[in-house]
Amino acid sequence: MTTLVDIFLQPAKAFADLRERPTFLVPFLVLAGLSVALTLAYFLRVDAAWYTGHMFASANADVSAQDLEKLKSAMPGTTTMAVFGAIGGVLGIAVVSALTALYLWIAGKATGKDVGYRQGLSLGLWSAMPGVLGLLVALVGALTMSPQTALESLMLTHADPLLVQLPADHRWNRLAESFDLLSLWSIFLLALGWKTFARSSWAQAIVVAIIPSAVVLGVIALVSG
């Protein structure tokens, strides 16, 4: 648990220790636990009928009022959505973590650095720890929100709603909602971790750290455009 504190206060020390003894269970459990807590807190408080309408409005779906009522009656209850959402969130974290570790392993091979898959898994998960702060903020919001509140409006560390509030049909709405400002901190941690693990230059570390976020945001921008 010392590493959990050091990653925020003494990240260089944390990564130096992790280089010798790479671990990943603690950050995974923290991220998964908060993701489950947020999902349950939100879906067990949200107005189910309102949420269904909001979901289709956000997707810009052209649905008549009559069809919308039928869809509302066919939608699963909030308890079911909470359970499946929680499971999906944990699986999502696991998949992203595995892909990040694979990317870092491939980057190690491409640059001639000795960064194994386990080290990549450790580096990726510990670098994601700033996201914990965003999840905590959203969790507090979910526990105190009114029943007709959009989940995305609770993500107060994201560009939307923190900096802008774009309408659902705006072309850059999805990109703004996806961009978490805390990811800049995570990119810095990933660069610092790569520099420590691979004993590389800062230039190489920054490039390696930026590529995953750039690819993800680029894909979202292309889809949104």
Protein backbone atom coordinates (compact mmCIF):
# COMPACT_ATOMS: atom_id res chain seq x y z
CA MET A 1 0.00 0.00 0.00
CA THR A 2 3.02 2.28 0.37
CA THR A 3 3.28 2.38 -3.41
CA LEU A 4 -0.30 3.67 -3.60
CA VAL A 5 0.79 6.75 -1.64
CA ASP A 6 4.18 7.09 -3.35
CA ILE A 7 2.69 7.04 -6.85
CA PHE A 8 1.09 10.41 -6.04
CA LEU A 9 3.76 11.94 -3.78
CA GLN A 10 7.00 10.26 -4.86
CA PRO A 11 6.38 8.71 -8.29
CA ALA A 12 10.10 8.39 -9.15
CA LYS A 13 10.65 6.32 -6.01
CA ALA A 14 7.53 4.27 -6.67
CA PHE A 15 8.63 3.33 -10.19
CA ALA A 16 12.18 2.59 -9.04
CA ASP A 17 10.74 0.07 -6.57
CA LEU A 18 8.29 -1.32 -9.14
CA ARG A 19 11.08 -1.85 -11.66
CA GLU A 20 12.59 -4.42 -9.31
CA ARG A 21 9.29 -5.84 -8.02
CA PRO A 22 6.51 -5.10 -10.53
CA THR A 23 3.03 -5.45 -9.02
CA PHE A 24 -0.40 -4.73 -10.45
CA LEU A 25 -3.06 -6.26 -8.17
CA VAL A 26 -3.51 -3.25 -5.87
CA PRO A 27 -4.10 -0.64 -8.60
CA PHE A 28 -6.39 -3.04 -10.48
CA LEU A 29 -8.49 -3.69 -7.36
CA VAL A 30 -8.68 0.03 -6.54
CA LEU A 31 -9.81 0.96 -10.06
CA ALA A 32 -12.23 -1.97 -10.30
CA GLY A 33 -13.66 -1.35 -6.83
CA LEU A 34 -14.33 2.32 -7.47
CA SER A 35 -15.78 1.56 -10.90
CA VAL A 36 -18.20 -0.95 -9.36
CA ALA A 37 -19.12 1.45 -6.55
CA LEU A 38 -19.81 4.29 -9.01
CA THR A 39 -21.90 2.10 -11.30
CA LEU A 40 -24.01 0.72 -8.46
CA ALA A 41 -24.44 4.13 -6.83
CA TYR A 42 -25.58 5.69 -10.11
CA PHE A 43 -27.95 3.05 -11.44
CA LEU A 44 -29.58 2.37 -8.07
CA ARG A 45 -30.48 6.08 -7.79
CA VAL A 46 -31.24 7.10 -11.38
CA ASP A 47 -34.81 7.34 -12.69
CA ALA A 48 -35.00 4.33 -15.04
CA ALA A 49 -37.62 5.81 -17.39
CA TRP A 50 -35.77 9.11 -17.61
CA TYR A 51 -32.46 7.34 -18.20
CA THR A 52 -33.85 5.40 -21.17
CA GLY A 53 -35.10 8.57 -22.81
CA HIS A 54 -31.82 10.35 -22.12
CA MET A 55 -29.84 7.45 -23.58
CA PHE A 56 -31.69 7.56 -26.89
CA ALA A 57 -31.55 11.38 -26.98
CA SER A 58 -27.78 11.29 -26.44
CA ALA A 59 -27.45 8.81 -29.31
CA ASN A 60 -29.51 11.16 -31.51
CA ALA A 61 -31.84 8.25 -32.22
CA ASP A 62 -34.95 9.18 -34.18
CA VAL A 63 -37.53 7.38 -32.06
CA SER A 64 -41.22 8.27 -31.89
CA ALA A 65 -42.86 8.88 -28.52
CA GLN A 66 -44.89 5.67 -28.92
CA ASP A 67 -41.82 3.57 -29.74
CA LEU A 68 -39.92 5.20 -26.88
CA GLU A 69 -42.58 4.12 -24.42
CA LYS A 70 -42.33 0.56 -25.72
CA LEU A 71 -38.57 0.64 -25.38
CA LYS A 72 -38.86 1.95 -21.83
CA SER A 73 -41.13 -0.93 -20.87
CA ALA A 74 -38.76 -3.44 -22.50
CA MET A 75 -35.61 -2.07 -20.84
CA PRO A 76 -34.21 -3.99 -17.86
CA GLY A 77 -34.60 -2.52 -14.39
CA THR A 78 -31.97 -0.33 -12.80
CA THR A 79 -30.78 -3.19 -10.59
CA THR A 80 -30.05 -5.31 -13.66
CA MET A 81 -28.35 -2.39 -15.38
CA ALA A 82 -26.27 -1.79 -12.25
CA VAL A 83 -25.08 -5.41 -12.10
CA PHE A 84 -24.25 -5.69 -15.79
CA GLY A 85 -22.68 -2.23 -15.77
CA ALA A 86 -20.47 -3.16 -12.83
CA ILE A 87 -19.36 -6.39 -14.48
CA GLY A 88 -18.74 -4.59 -17.77
CA GLY A 89 -16.69 -1.92 -16.01
CA VAL A 90 -14.39 -4.47 -14.38
CA LEU A 91 -13.98 -6.36 -17.64
CA GLY A 92 -13.25 -3.10 -19.43
CA ILE A 93 -10.48 -2.22 -16.98
CA ALA A 94 -9.01 -5.71 -17.37
CA VAL A 95 -9.05 -5.55 -21.17
CA VAL A 96 -7.57 -2.03 -21.33
CA SER A 97 -4.87 -3.03 -18.84
CA ALA A 98 -3.98 -6.13 -20.86
CA LEU A 99 -3.82 -4.15 -24.12
CA THR A 100 -1.70 -1.42 -22.51
CA ALA A 101 0.72 -4.05 -21.20
CA LEU A 102 0.89 -5.62 -24.67
CA TYR A 103 1.59 -2.22 -26.22
CA LEU A 104 4.39 -1.51 -23.73
CA TRP A 105 5.88 -4.96 -24.32
CA ILE A 106 5.85 -4.35 -28.08
CA ALA A 107 7.34 -0.87 -27.53
CA GLY A 108 10.11 -2.49 -25.52
CA LYS A 109 10.85 -4.93 -28.34
CA ALA A 110 10.77 -2.14 -30.94
CA THR A 111 13.15 0.08 -28.98
CA GLY A 112 15.42 -2.68 -27.76
CA LYS A 113 14.47 -2.17 -24.13
CA ASP A 114 14.01 -4.94 -21.59
CA VAL A 115 10.39 -4.29 -20.60
CA GLY A 116 8.44 -7.51 -20.08
CA TYR A 117 4.70 -8.02 -20.15
CA ARG A 118 4.41 -8.11 -16.35
CA GLN A 119 6.35 -4.86 -16.11
CA GLY A 120 4.08 -3.36 -18.75
CA LEU A 121 1.02 -4.44 -16.78
CA SER A 122 2.44 -2.89 -13.63
CA LEU A 123 3.48 0.31 -15.37
CA GLY A 124 0.14 0.75 -17.13
CA LEU A 125 -2.01 0.20 -14.04
CA TRP A 126 0.03 2.31 -11.64
CA SER A 127 0.18 5.13 -14.21
CA ALA A 128 -3.62 5.09 -14.32
CA MET A 129 -3.94 5.93 -10.62
CA PRO A 130 -4.79 9.64 -11.17
CA GLY A 131 -8.07 8.35 -12.61
CA VAL A 132 -8.97 7.26 -9.09
CA LEU A 133 -9.47 10.91 -8.18
CA GLY A 134 -11.98 11.36 -10.98
CA LEU A 135 -13.86 8.23 -9.94
CA LEU A 136 -14.04 9.46 -6.35
CA VAL A 137 -15.47 12.81 -7.48
CA ALA A 138 -18.04 11.04 -9.67
CA LEU A 139 -18.94 8.65 -6.83
CA VAL A 140 -19.67 11.51 -4.46
CA GLY A 141 -21.81 13.07 -7.18
CA ALA A 142 -23.71 9.82 -7.74
CA LEU A 143 -24.45 9.47 -4.02
CA THR A 144 -25.87 13.00 -3.81
CA MET A 145 -27.47 13.50 -7.25
CA SER A 146 -31.11 13.90 -8.16
CA PRO A 147 -32.66 10.85 -9.91
CA GLN A 148 -32.68 12.61 -13.29
CA THR A 149 -28.95 13.21 -13.66
CA ALA A 150 -26.80 12.14 -16.60
CA LEU A 151 -23.81 9.96 -15.74
CA GLU A 152 -21.54 12.03 -17.97
CA SER A 153 -22.41 15.17 -15.99
CA LEU A 154 -20.81 13.59 -12.92
CA MET A 155 -17.43 13.26 -14.67
CA LEU A 156 -16.20 16.61 -13.43
CA THR A 157 -12.58 16.01 -14.40
CA HIS A 158 -13.50 15.64 -18.09
CA ALA A 159 -13.33 18.50 -20.59
CA ASP A 160 -17.12 18.29 -20.81
CA PRO A 161 -18.61 19.27 -18.35
CA LEU A 162 -15.63 20.91 -16.60
CA LEU A 163 -14.56 23.30 -19.38
CA VAL A 164 -17.41 23.17 -21.90
CA GLN A 165 -20.98 21.92 -22.01
CA LEU A 166 -21.65 20.83 -25.57
CA PRO A 167 -25.11 19.75 -26.76
CA ALA A 168 -25.59 16.04 -27.43
CA ASP A 169 -25.72 16.58 -31.19
CA HIS A 170 -22.49 18.61 -31.34
CA ARG A 171 -19.84 16.95 -33.47
CA TRP A 172 -17.19 17.13 -30.71
CA ASN A 173 -19.47 16.19 -27.83
CA ARG A 174 -18.18 12.62 -27.53
CA LEU A 175 -14.55 13.72 -27.72
CA ALA A 176 -15.02 16.38 -25.03
CA GLU A 177 -16.82 13.91 -22.76
CA SER A 178 -14.09 11.32 -23.29
CA PHE A 179 -11.11 13.57 -22.58
CA ASP A 180 -10.27 13.32 -18.89
CA LEU A 181 -7.90 16.12 -17.86
CA LEU A 182 -6.39 13.72 -15.32
CA SER A 183 -5.11 11.69 -18.27
CA LEU A 184 -2.39 14.35 -18.68
CA TRP A 185 -1.13 13.35 -15.24
CA SER A 186 -1.32 9.69 -16.22
CA ILE A 187 0.68 10.37 -19.39
CA PHE A 188 3.38 12.03 -17.29
CA LEU A 189 3.45 9.04 -14.92
CA LEU A 190 3.62 6.62 -17.84
CA ALA A 191 6.54 8.58 -19.32
CA LEU A 192 8.33 8.67 -15.98
CA GLY A 193 7.68 4.96 -15.47
CA TRP A 194 8.95 4.08 -18.95
CA LYS A 195 12.07 6.18 -18.43
CA THR A 196 12.68 4.30 -15.17
CA PHE A 197 11.80 0.80 -16.37
CA ALA A 198 13.53 1.06 -19.75
CA ARG A 199 16.30 3.45 -18.70
CA SER A 200 15.45 5.52 -21.75
CA SER A 201 15.69 9.20 -22.62
CA TRP A 202 12.87 11.56 -21.75
CA ALA A 203 12.16 12.05 -25.47
CA GLN A 204 11.54 8.34 -26.02
CA ALA A 205 9.54 8.05 -22.81
CA ILE A 206 7.23 10.93 -23.77
CA VAL A 207 6.58 9.48 -27.23
CA VAL A 208 5.82 6.03 -25.82
CA ALA A 209 3.51 7.54 -23.20
CA ILE A 210 1.58 9.79 -25.59
CA ILE A 211 0.85 7.24 -28.34
CA PRO A 212 -1.96 5.26 -26.58
CA SER A 213 -3.96 8.37 -25.64
CA ALA A 214 -3.37 9.94 -29.05
CA VAL A 215 -4.66 6.82 -30.80
CA VAL A 216 -7.77 6.55 -28.62
CA LEU A 217 -8.68 10.23 -28.92
CA GLY A 218 -7.90 10.14 -32.63
CA VAL A 219 -10.31 7.25 -33.18
CA ILE A 220 -13.01 9.04 -31.17
CA ALA A 221 -12.45 12.21 -33.22
CA LEU A 222 -12.72 10.28 -36.49
CA VAL A 223 -15.92 8.55 -35.41
CA SER A 224 -17.36 11.84 -34.15
CA GLY A 225 -16.47 13.64 -37.35
